[in-house]
C-alpha atoms as a PDB file:
ATOM      1  CA  MET A   1      72.688  -0.298   4.455  1.00  0.00           C
ATOM      2  CA  PHE A   2      69.854   1.508   2.659  1.00  0.00           C
ATOM      3  CA  PHE A   3      66.210   1.363   3.633  1.00  0.00           C
ATOM      4  CA  ALA A   4      63.640   2.552   1.107  1.00  0.00           C
ATOM      5  CA  ALA A   5      60.995   4.777   2.622  1.00  0.00           C
ATOM      6  CA  SER A   6      57.469   3.429   2.225  1.00  0.00           C
ATOM      7  CA  CYS A   7      55.364   5.366  -0.247  1.00  0.00           C
ATOM      8  CA  THR A   8      51.767   6.024   0.734  1.00  0.00           C
ATOM      9  CA  LYS A   9      49.608   6.917  -2.219  1.00  0.00           C
ATOM     10  CA  GLN A  10      47.355   9.948  -2.231  1.00  0.00           C
ATOM     11  CA  PRO A  11      43.714   8.817  -1.958  1.00  0.00           C
ATOM     12  CA  VAL A  12      41.251  10.233  -4.460  1.00  0.00           C
ATOM     13  CA  ALA A  13      37.687  10.652  -3.197  1.00  0.00           C
ATOM     14  CA  CYS A  14      34.872   9.845  -5.604  1.00  0.00           C
ATOM     15  CA  PHE A  15      31.255   8.689  -5.403  1.00  0.00           C
ATOM     16  CA  SER A  16      28.000   8.795  -7.359  1.00  0.00           C
ATOM     17  CA  ALA A  17      24.477   9.375  -6.035  1.00  0.00           C
ATOM     18  CA  SER A  18      21.490   7.279  -7.099  1.00  0.00           C
ATOM     19  CA  LYS A  19      19.599  10.574  -7.428  1.00  0.00           C
ATOM     20  CA  THR A  20      20.228  14.227  -6.646  1.00  0.00           C
ATOM     21  CA  THR A  21      16.576  15.125  -6.064  1.00  0.00           C
ATOM     22  CA  ALA A  22      14.515  13.218  -3.509  1.00  0.00           C
ATOM     23  CA  ASP A  23      11.439  13.568  -1.326  1.00  0.00           C
ATOM     24  CA  ILE A  24      11.438  13.677   2.464  1.00  0.00           C
ATOM     25  CA  GLY A  25      12.055  10.169   3.803  1.00  0.00           C
ATOM     26  CA  GLU A  26      13.265   8.843   0.433  1.00  0.00           C
ATOM     27  CA  ALA A  27      16.613   7.059   0.638  1.00  0.00           C
ATOM     28  CA  VAL A  28      19.481   8.075  -1.642  1.00  0.00           C
ATOM     29  CA  THR A  29      22.299   5.580  -2.206  1.00  0.00           C
ATOM     30  CA  PHE A  30      25.902   6.710  -2.611  1.00  0.00           C
ATOM     31  CA  SER A  31      28.264   4.379  -4.482  1.00  0.00           C
ATOM     32  CA  ASN A  32      31.967   4.721  -3.805  1.00  0.00           C
ATOM     33  CA  CYS A  33      34.461   5.024  -6.663  1.00  0.00           C
ATOM     34  CA  ALA A  34      37.410   6.319  -4.598  1.00  0.00           C
ATOM     35  CA  THR A  35      40.931   5.002  -5.191  1.00  0.00           C
ATOM     36  CA  ASP A  36      43.902   4.375  -2.901  1.00  0.00           C
ATOM     37  CA  ALA A  37      41.819   4.969   0.222  1.00  0.00           C
ATOM     38  CA  SER A  38      41.822   2.945   3.401  1.00  0.00           C
ATOM     39  CA  SER A  39      38.924   4.520   5.306  1.00  0.00           C
ATOM     40  CA  TYR A  40      35.830   6.485   4.375  1.00  0.00           C
ATOM     41  CA  GLU A  41      33.892   9.099   6.315  1.00  0.00           C
ATOM     42  CA  TRP A  42      30.504  10.401   5.153  1.00  0.00           C
ATOM     43  CA  ASP A  43      28.811  13.666   6.134  1.00  0.00           C
ATOM     44  CA  PHE A  44      25.211  14.044   4.945  1.00  0.00           C
ATOM     45  CA  GLY A  45      24.881  17.761   5.697  1.00  0.00           C
ATOM     46  CA  ASP A  46      22.165  17.375   8.344  1.00  0.00           C
ATOM     47  CA  GLY A  47      24.399  16.525  11.279  1.00  0.00           C
ATOM     48  CA  THR A  48      24.391  12.820  10.432  1.00  0.00           C
ATOM     49  CA  LYS A  49      27.654  11.002   9.673  1.00  0.00           C
ATOM     50  CA  ALA A  50      28.616   7.466   8.703  1.00  0.00           C
ATOM     51  CA  GLU A  51      31.612   5.320   7.876  1.00  0.00           C
ATOM     52  CA  GLY A  52      32.110   2.666   5.220  1.00  0.00           C
ATOM     53  CA  GLU A  53      32.841   2.368   1.527  1.00  0.00           C
ATOM     54  CA  SER A  54      29.264   3.118   0.439  1.00  0.00           C
ATOM     55  CA  ALA A  55      26.300   4.654   2.207  1.00  0.00           C
ATOM     56  CA  SER A  56      22.572   5.385   2.033  1.00  0.00           C
ATOM     57  CA  HIS A  57      20.661   8.216   3.679  1.00  0.00           C
ATOM     58  CA  ALA A  58      17.181   9.778   3.907  1.00  0.00           C
ATOM     59  CA  TRP A  59      16.428  13.293   5.160  1.00  0.00           C
ATOM     60  CA  THR A  60      13.582  14.375   7.425  1.00  0.00           C
ATOM     61  CA  LYS A  61      13.378  18.018   6.312  1.00  0.00           C
ATOM     62  CA  ALA A  62      13.278  19.763   2.951  1.00  0.00           C
ATOM     63  CA  GLY A  63      16.366  21.623   1.796  1.00  0.00           C
ATOM     64  CA  VAL A  64      19.594  21.373  -0.173  1.00  0.00           C
ATOM     65  CA  TYR A  65      22.187  19.162   1.509  1.00  0.00           C
ATOM     66  CA  VAL A  66      25.853  18.854   0.590  1.00  0.00           C
ATOM     67  CA  VAL A  67      26.950  15.237   1.002  1.00  0.00           C
ATOM     68  CA  GLN A  68      30.696  14.933   1.541  1.00  0.00           C
ATOM     69  CA  LEU A  69      32.964  11.894   1.418  1.00  0.00           C
ATOM     70  CA  LYS A  70      36.366  12.148   3.099  1.00  0.00           C
ATOM     71  CA  THR A  71      38.868   9.438   2.214  1.00  0.00           C
ATOM     72  CA  LEU A  72      42.020   8.708   4.210  1.00  0.00           C
ATOM     73  CA  SER A  73      45.218   6.870   3.375  1.00  0.00           C
ATOM     74  CA  LYS A  74      46.269   3.830   5.406  1.00  0.00           C
ATOM     75  CA  ASP A  75      48.557   5.901   7.626  1.00  0.00           C
ATOM     76  CA  LYS A  76      45.830   8.549   8.048  1.00  0.00           C
ATOM     77  CA  LYS A  77      48.277  11.239   6.874  1.00  0.00           C
ATOM     78  CA  LYS A  78      46.764  11.878   3.452  1.00  0.00           C
ATOM     79  CA  LEU A  79      43.163  12.686   2.668  1.00  0.00           C
ATOM     80  CA  ASP A  80      40.851  13.832  -0.085  1.00  0.00           C
ATOM     81  CA  LYS A  81      37.269  15.091  -0.152  1.00  0.00           C
ATOM     82  CA  TYR A  82      34.456  14.995  -2.691  1.00  0.00           C
ATOM     83  CA  SER A  83      30.948  16.486  -2.440  1.00  0.00           C
ATOM     84  CA  VAL A  84      27.565  16.238  -4.166  1.00  0.00           C
ATOM     85  CA  ALA A  85      24.493  18.401  -3.461  1.00  0.00           C
ATOM     86  CA  VAL A  86      21.135  16.674  -2.932  1.00  0.00           C
ATOM     87  CA  THR A  87      17.846  18.599  -3.068  1.00  0.00           C
ATOM     88  CA  VAL A  88      15.157  17.230  -0.751  1.00  0.00           C
ATOM     89  CA  ASN A  89      11.635  18.298  -1.654  1.00  0.00           C
ATOM     90  CA  GLY A  90       8.981  18.999   0.941  1.00  0.00           C
ATOM     91  CA  ASN A  91       5.533  17.463   1.211  1.00  0.00           C
ATOM     92  CA  ASN A  92       3.675  20.524  -0.113  1.00  0.00           C
ATOM     93  CA  ARG A  93       2.384  20.198  -3.656  1.00  0.00           C
ATOM     94  CA  TYR A  94       2.434  23.052  -6.149  1.00  0.00           C
ATOM     95  CA  LEU A  95       0.757  23.034  -9.547  1.00  0.00           C
ATOM     96  CA  THR A  96       3.182  23.057 -12.484  1.00  0.00           C
ATOM     97  CA  LYS A  97       1.069  22.476 -15.583  1.00  0.00           C
ATOM     98  CA  ILE A  98      -2.259  21.262 -16.943  1.00  0.00           C
ATOM     99  CA  ILE A  99      -2.506  19.260 -20.154  1.00  0.00           C
ATOM    100  CA  LEU A 100      -5.759  18.863 -22.082  1.00  0.00           C
ATOM    101  CA  LYS A 101      -5.641  15.457 -23.781  1.00  0.00           C
ATOM    102  CA  LYS A 102      -9.229  15.071 -24.980  1.00  0.00           C
ATOM    103  CA  TYR A 103     -12.486  17.050 -25.266  1.00  0.00           C
ATOM    104  CA  ALA A 104     -15.903  16.673 -26.913  1.00  0.00           C
ATOM    105  CA  GLU A 105     -16.021  18.440 -30.272  1.00  0.00           C
ATOM    106  CA  LYS A 106     -19.778  18.991 -29.973  1.00  0.00           C
ATOM    107  CA  LYS A 107     -22.199  19.733 -27.160  1.00  0.00           C
ATOM    108  CA  ALA A 108     -24.325  16.921 -25.772  1.00  0.00           C
ATOM    109  CA  ASP A 109     -27.198  17.976 -28.090  1.00  0.00           C
ATOM    110  CA  GLY A 110     -24.907  17.797 -31.144  1.00  0.00           C
ATOM    111  CA  SER A 111     -24.639  21.554 -31.644  1.00  0.00           C
ATOM    112  CA  ASP A 112     -21.416  23.539 -31.986  1.00  0.00           C
ATOM    113  CA  TRP A 113     -19.814  25.010 -28.897  1.00  0.00           C
ATOM    114  CA  ASP A 114     -19.707  28.492 -30.408  1.00  0.00           C
ATOM    115  CA  ALA A 115     -22.854  29.606 -32.205  1.00  0.00           C
ATOM    116  CA  PRO A 116     -22.698  31.895 -35.258  1.00  0.00           C
ATOM    117  CA  SER A 117     -22.312  35.579 -34.446  1.00  0.00           C
ATOM    118  CA  PRO A 118     -25.518  37.659 -34.495  1.00  0.00           C
ATOM    119  CA  ILE A 119     -23.448  40.616 -35.708  1.00  0.00           C
ATOM    120  CA  PRO A 120     -23.408  40.969 -39.521  1.00  0.00           C
ATOM    121  CA  GLY A 121     -19.958  40.579 -40.998  1.00  0.00           C
ATOM    122  CA  VAL A 122     -18.472  38.968 -37.847  1.00  0.00           C
ATOM    123  CA  THR A 123     -17.414  35.332 -38.237  1.00  0.00           C
ATOM    124  CA  VAL A 124     -17.280  33.007 -35.272  1.00  0.00           C
ATOM    125  CA  ASN A 125     -15.556  29.642 -35.572  1.00  0.00           C
ATOM    126  CA  PRO A 126     -17.550  26.721 -34.173  1.00  0.00           C
ATOM    127  CA  GLN A 127     -14.610  25.366 -32.140  1.00  0.00           C
ATOM    128  CA  PRO A 128     -14.592  26.128 -28.412  1.00  0.00           C
ATOM    129  CA  ASP A 129     -12.321  28.710 -26.784  1.00  0.00           C
ATOM    130  CA  VAL A 130     -11.087  26.570 -23.923  1.00  0.00           C
ATOM    131  CA  PHE A 131      -9.695  27.451 -20.511  1.00  0.00           C
ATOM    132  CA  VAL A 132      -9.539  25.607 -17.186  1.00  0.00           C
ATOM    133  CA  ARG A 133     -10.955  27.023 -13.978  1.00  0.00           C
ATOM    134  CA  LEU A 134      -9.614  25.736 -10.668  1.00  0.00           C
ATOM    135  CA  SER A 135     -11.617  26.501  -7.557  1.00  0.00           C
ATOM    136  CA  LEU A 136     -12.191  25.340  -4.014  1.00  0.00           C
ATOM    137  CA  ALA A 137     -15.373  23.294  -3.857  1.00  0.00           C
ATOM    138  CA  ALA A 138     -16.324  25.193  -0.699  1.00  0.00           C
ATOM    139  CA  GLY A 139     -15.827  28.524  -2.474  1.00  0.00           C
ATOM    140  CA  GLY A 140     -13.573  31.451  -1.701  1.00  0.00           C
ATOM    141  CA  TRP A 141     -10.840  30.899  -4.298  1.00  0.00           C
ATOM    142  CA  SER A 142     -10.620  30.340  -8.029  1.00  0.00           C
ATOM    143  CA  PHE A 143      -8.026  30.586 -10.780  1.00  0.00           C
ATOM    144  CA  ASN A 144      -8.458  30.638 -14.568  1.00  0.00           C
ATOM    145  CA  THR A 145      -5.804  29.582 -17.046  1.00  0.00           C
ATOM    146  CA  SER A 146      -5.328  31.524 -20.253  1.00  0.00           C
ATOM    147  CA  THR A 147      -7.762  30.750 -23.091  1.00  0.00           C
ATOM    148  CA  LYS A 148      -6.880  28.632 -26.103  1.00  0.00           C
ATOM    149  CA  THR A 149      -9.095  30.031 -28.834  1.00  0.00           C
ATOM    150  CA  ASP A 150     -10.717  27.853 -31.483  1.00  0.00           C
ATOM    151  CA  ILE A 151      -9.075  24.685 -30.213  1.00  0.00           C
ATOM    152  CA  LYS A 152      -9.033  21.674 -32.532  1.00  0.00           C
ATOM    153  CA  ASN A 153      -8.141  18.051 -31.983  1.00  0.00           C
ATOM    154  CA  THR A 154      -4.975  18.672 -33.971  1.00  0.00           C
ATOM    155  CA  ASP A 155      -3.925  21.092 -31.184  1.00  0.00           C
ATOM    156  CA  LEU A 156      -3.960  18.289 -28.618  1.00  0.00           C
ATOM    157  CA  PRO A 157      -2.332  17.685 -26.283  1.00  0.00           C
ATOM    158  CA  PHE A 158      -2.462  21.346 -25.256  1.00  0.00           C
ATOM    159  CA  THR A 159      -0.412  22.517 -22.264  1.00  0.00           C
ATOM    160  CA  TRP A 160      -0.867  25.374 -19.815  1.00  0.00           C
ATOM    161  CA  ASN A 161       2.425  25.949 -17.973  1.00  0.00           C
ATOM    162  CA  LEU A 162       1.704  27.218 -14.461  1.00  0.00           C
ATOM    163  CA  THR A 163       4.982  26.860 -12.549  1.00  0.00           C
ATOM    164  CA  GLN A 164       5.411  30.622 -12.180  1.00  0.00           C
ATOM    165  CA  GLN A 165       1.940  30.979 -10.640  1.00  0.00           C
ATOM    166  CA  ASN A 166       2.997  29.258  -7.373  1.00  0.00           C
ATOM    167  CA  LEU A 167      -0.413  27.629  -6.966  1.00  0.00           C
ATOM    168  CA  PHE A 168      -0.410  25.693  -3.694  1.00  0.00           C
ATOM    169  CA  MET A 169      -2.500  22.527  -3.807  1.00  0.00           C
ATOM    170  CA  ALA A 170      -4.176  22.771  -0.426  1.00  0.00           C
ATOM    171  CA  PRO A 171      -5.729  19.634   1.105  1.00  0.00           C
ATOM    172  CA  ASP A 172      -9.236  20.874   0.349  1.00  0.00           C
ATOM    173  CA  ALA A 173     -11.700  19.616  -2.258  1.00  0.00           C
ATOM    174  CA  TRP A 174     -11.204  21.201  -5.690  1.00  0.00           C
ATOM    175  CA  ASN A 175     -13.373  21.716  -8.743  1.00  0.00           C
ATOM    176  CA  VAL A 176     -11.450  21.434 -12.011  1.00  0.00           C
ATOM    177  CA  ASP A 177     -13.680  22.848 -14.734  1.00  0.00           C
ATOM    178  CA  ILE A 178     -13.002  22.759 -18.485  1.00  0.00           C
ATOM    179  CA  ARG A 179     -14.872  25.779 -19.847  1.00  0.00           C
ATOM    180  CA  ASP A 180     -15.721  27.373 -23.186  1.00  0.00           C
ATOM    181  CA  GLU A 181     -15.404  31.153 -23.348  1.00  0.00           C
ATOM    182  CA  ASN A 182     -18.290  32.842 -25.169  1.00  0.00           C
ATOM    183  CA  ASN A 183     -19.356  36.300 -26.299  1.00  0.00           C
ATOM    184  CA  PHE A 184     -15.781  37.525 -26.760  1.00  0.00           C
ATOM    185  CA  GLY A 185     -14.913  36.740 -23.147  1.00  0.00           C
ATOM    186  CA  ALA A 186     -18.069  38.165 -21.627  1.00  0.00           C
ATOM    187  CA  SER A 187     -19.270  34.747 -20.424  1.00  0.00           C
ATOM    188  CA  SER A 188     -18.369  31.077 -20.361  1.00  0.00           C
ATOM    189  CA  VAL A 189     -20.037  27.692 -20.046  1.00  0.00           C
ATOM    190  CA  SER A 190     -18.806  24.489 -18.448  1.00  0.00           C
ATOM    191  CA  MET A 191     -17.784  21.747 -20.864  1.00  0.00           C
ATOM    192  CA  ASN A 192     -16.959  19.224 -18.132  1.00  0.00           C
ATOM    193  CA  LEU A 193     -16.522  19.550 -14.378  1.00  0.00           C
ATOM    194  CA  PHE A 194     -14.167  17.287 -12.415  1.00  0.00           C
ATOM    195  CA  PHE A 195     -14.214  16.975  -8.636  1.00  0.00           C
ATOM    196  CA  VAL A 196     -10.939  16.233  -6.804  1.00  0.00           C
ATOM    197  CA  ALA A 197     -11.540  15.320  -3.175  1.00  0.00           C
ATOM    198  CA  ASN A 198      -7.979  16.106  -2.036  1.00  0.00           C
ATOM    199  CA  PRO A 199      -5.406  17.375  -4.560  1.00  0.00           C
ATOM    200  CA  ALA A 200      -2.705  17.148  -1.878  1.00  0.00           C
ATOM    201  CA  THR A 201      -2.870  13.335  -1.949  1.00  0.00           C
ATOM    202  CA  ALA A 202      -4.522  12.450  -5.289  1.00  0.00           C
ATOM    203  CA  GLY A 203      -2.537  10.907  -8.105  1.00  0.00           C
ATOM    204  CA  SER A 204       1.079   9.764  -7.973  1.00  0.00           C
ATOM    205  CA  GLN A 205       4.433  10.355  -9.607  1.00  0.00           C
ATOM    206  CA  GLY A 206       3.679  14.048 -10.005  1.00  0.00           C
ATOM    207  CA  LYS A 207       0.450  13.670 -11.969  1.00  0.00           C
ATOM    208  CA  ILE A 208      -3.324  13.524 -11.415  1.00  0.00           C
ATOM    209  CA  VAL A 209      -5.280  12.093 -14.369  1.00  0.00           C
ATOM    210  CA  LEU A 210      -8.915  13.183 -14.734  1.00  0.00           C
ATOM    211  CA  THR A 211     -11.352  11.469 -17.112  1.00  0.00           C
ATOM    212  CA  ASP A 212     -15.133  11.462 -17.393  1.00  0.00           C
ATOM    213  CA  ASN A 213     -17.305   8.343 -17.459  1.00  0.00           C
ATOM    214  CA  ALA A 214     -18.010   8.693 -21.173  1.00  0.00           C
ATOM    215  CA  SER A 215     -14.296   9.099 -21.977  1.00  0.00           C
ATOM    216  CA  LEU A 216     -15.000  12.344 -23.824  1.00  0.00           C
ATOM    217  CA  TYR A 217     -12.676  14.440 -21.679  1.00  0.00           C
ATOM    218  CA  GLU A 218      -9.205  13.851 -20.321  1.00  0.00           C
ATOM    219  CA  LEU A 219      -7.107  16.284 -18.329  1.00  0.00           C
ATOM    220  CA  GLU A 220      -3.727  15.799 -16.649  1.00  0.00           C
ATOM    221  CA  VAL A 221      -2.810  17.951 -13.672  1.00  0.00           C
ATOM    222  CA  TYR A 222       0.911  18.013 -12.871  1.00  0.00           C
ATOM    223  CA  TYR A 223       2.502  19.008  -9.580  1.00  0.00           C
ATOM    224  CA  GLU A 224       5.848  19.107  -7.800  1.00  0.00           C
ATOM    225  CA  ASN A 225       6.713  18.800  -4.124  1.00  0.00           C
ATOM    226  CA  ARG A 226       8.426  21.733  -2.461  1.00  0.00           C
END
């Protein structure tokens, strides 16, 4: 008499993550696509484990976590593993870029931002040379972007990329000042001043939108959580 040995298939671990970048406390869902598995063991990389075909998890600290799924065959003799890294951002905001969307082409009195040069033979364009000054309302710190010379409406939207500056958005009141550089950089005047009571909580979805009451100026301040 002949008895055929039972054949247990090799499980293949597989899953997808709803996102691979999340904030602290934000749940990430993991959907199982494993085959030939009988049981499932999850390890979320922070000391937390779970069982079941699919799982969801939220982290309490920032960091990069390797989420691992271990699948087992019915007889528990065969297994497979699959991993995905999830980056969890902290609650500290850092400035990434500023985008100028709108500005007044003339001063309030109707004159040009840049007056003609008093030096014979030197031509000065009437368009403003724009930069943005960030400062604490209480004083003690300020930062100037680079200057966009002779800006025109056709240049808009204009972006200052600031990721490499590592500018921490402290929970203190900020002044965000659009300024016009004059006298070949020797001085500057404010075009419009915005006040942000707390840049650490203002805005949402990575962006703070600033507009004046007359809708002459619009500035977008972008941030990321680290």
